[in-house]
Amino acid sequence: MALVALSVSALAQDSHQQARTIAGDPVATPQRLRLVNVPAATGKAIALFDGRSLKGWTPWLGYADPSITYKSDPRATPIGIGRDTSGDFAVRQVDGAPAIWVKGETWGSLVHRADLRDYHLRLQFKWGAKTWAPRERQPRNNGLLYHSHGVPGEVFGTWRPSAEFEIMRGSTGMIVAVGSKIRGHSSVAYDPTIIAPHLRYRLGGRQVDIVNGTPTWNVEAATDAERPIGQWNTLDLYVVGDHAVHVVNGVPVAEVRDLATIAPDGTRRPLTHGHVQLQSEGAETWFRAITIEPIKTLPGIVATAGG
């Protein structure tokens, strides 16, 4: 699979033409994927949420008006830790058990203090009832960011540079590069039924480099495996070194390889560890049962018959 380089002429095309140039033929068709060779843990599982408090998690808030987040206005100042965040992030009871509550009105994140590498992370999430401007009429949105590094608010005043396991209605498991210096390779096909950049993960597809702010800024999940609003979903993130597999409710939906950062001298440096962030991005969300366990190998992904 040859890596696609975007030319000036490709960037000048409309988004569908760009996607076809990037991904080639054929157009994406549904793939039924499954995990194989799921690794056994090489050590004890550790809870990142103790069920009582936000111990180990550090909050950070972006701008009071989230609509300015992507405008990169140098005059804008994020809230950061400049106010009490108990009305944004808290531990509350839901469905008879404790969970981390993310209000979602002010964008930001909870960042866990552990610097993690080579792990299987599992969590459960479900959507709350409320959505907020400027996304109140858009699909509910949040995210699990991993291999996070850098300083708080480095990306759009709101997040740390990282790779993203997207949590969004219709797109949970999507791969996103959070920050202009994050890179990662994935395989795709052109899918005209989804919004730009119209690139869907496909096992055996054409390889692309995921670069924020370009026509390859994300790779959509292979399929929508999320359950209806109000039900709990289980996410599994398998990471070994610079390679990760995204799994939603037992279904593998994306894979990213060669995660890297771009150094000041322009060289590509492997990104193999970092912190996890739970996003706040316009939708009330609940998280619970957040655990990690060490692994040394990744599961494989195969297409089932007819997939």
Foldseek 3Di string as FASTA:
>chain_A
DDEDDDDPVLQPDPLLSNQCSRFPDDADDAFFKAWFPAFDFPDDKDFCDPQAWNPQKDWFFAAPACVCLPVPDVVGAGCTPVDDCCVAWIWDDDPRGIWIKGAQATWAWIWGPDKDFFKKKKKKKAFDDAFYPPCRPPWDWWWKWFLFDDDGCPQSRHHGFGWTQIDTVWFGRKIAGGDQFKKWKAFWHAYPVDDFNRTEGDVVTHIYIQGPPGSRRIHGWSGRPDDDHPDMKMWIWGHHFQKIWTAINRGTTTIIGQIFGQDPVRDTHTRGIGIIIIIRHGTIMIMDDIMMGHGHDHIDMDTDVPD
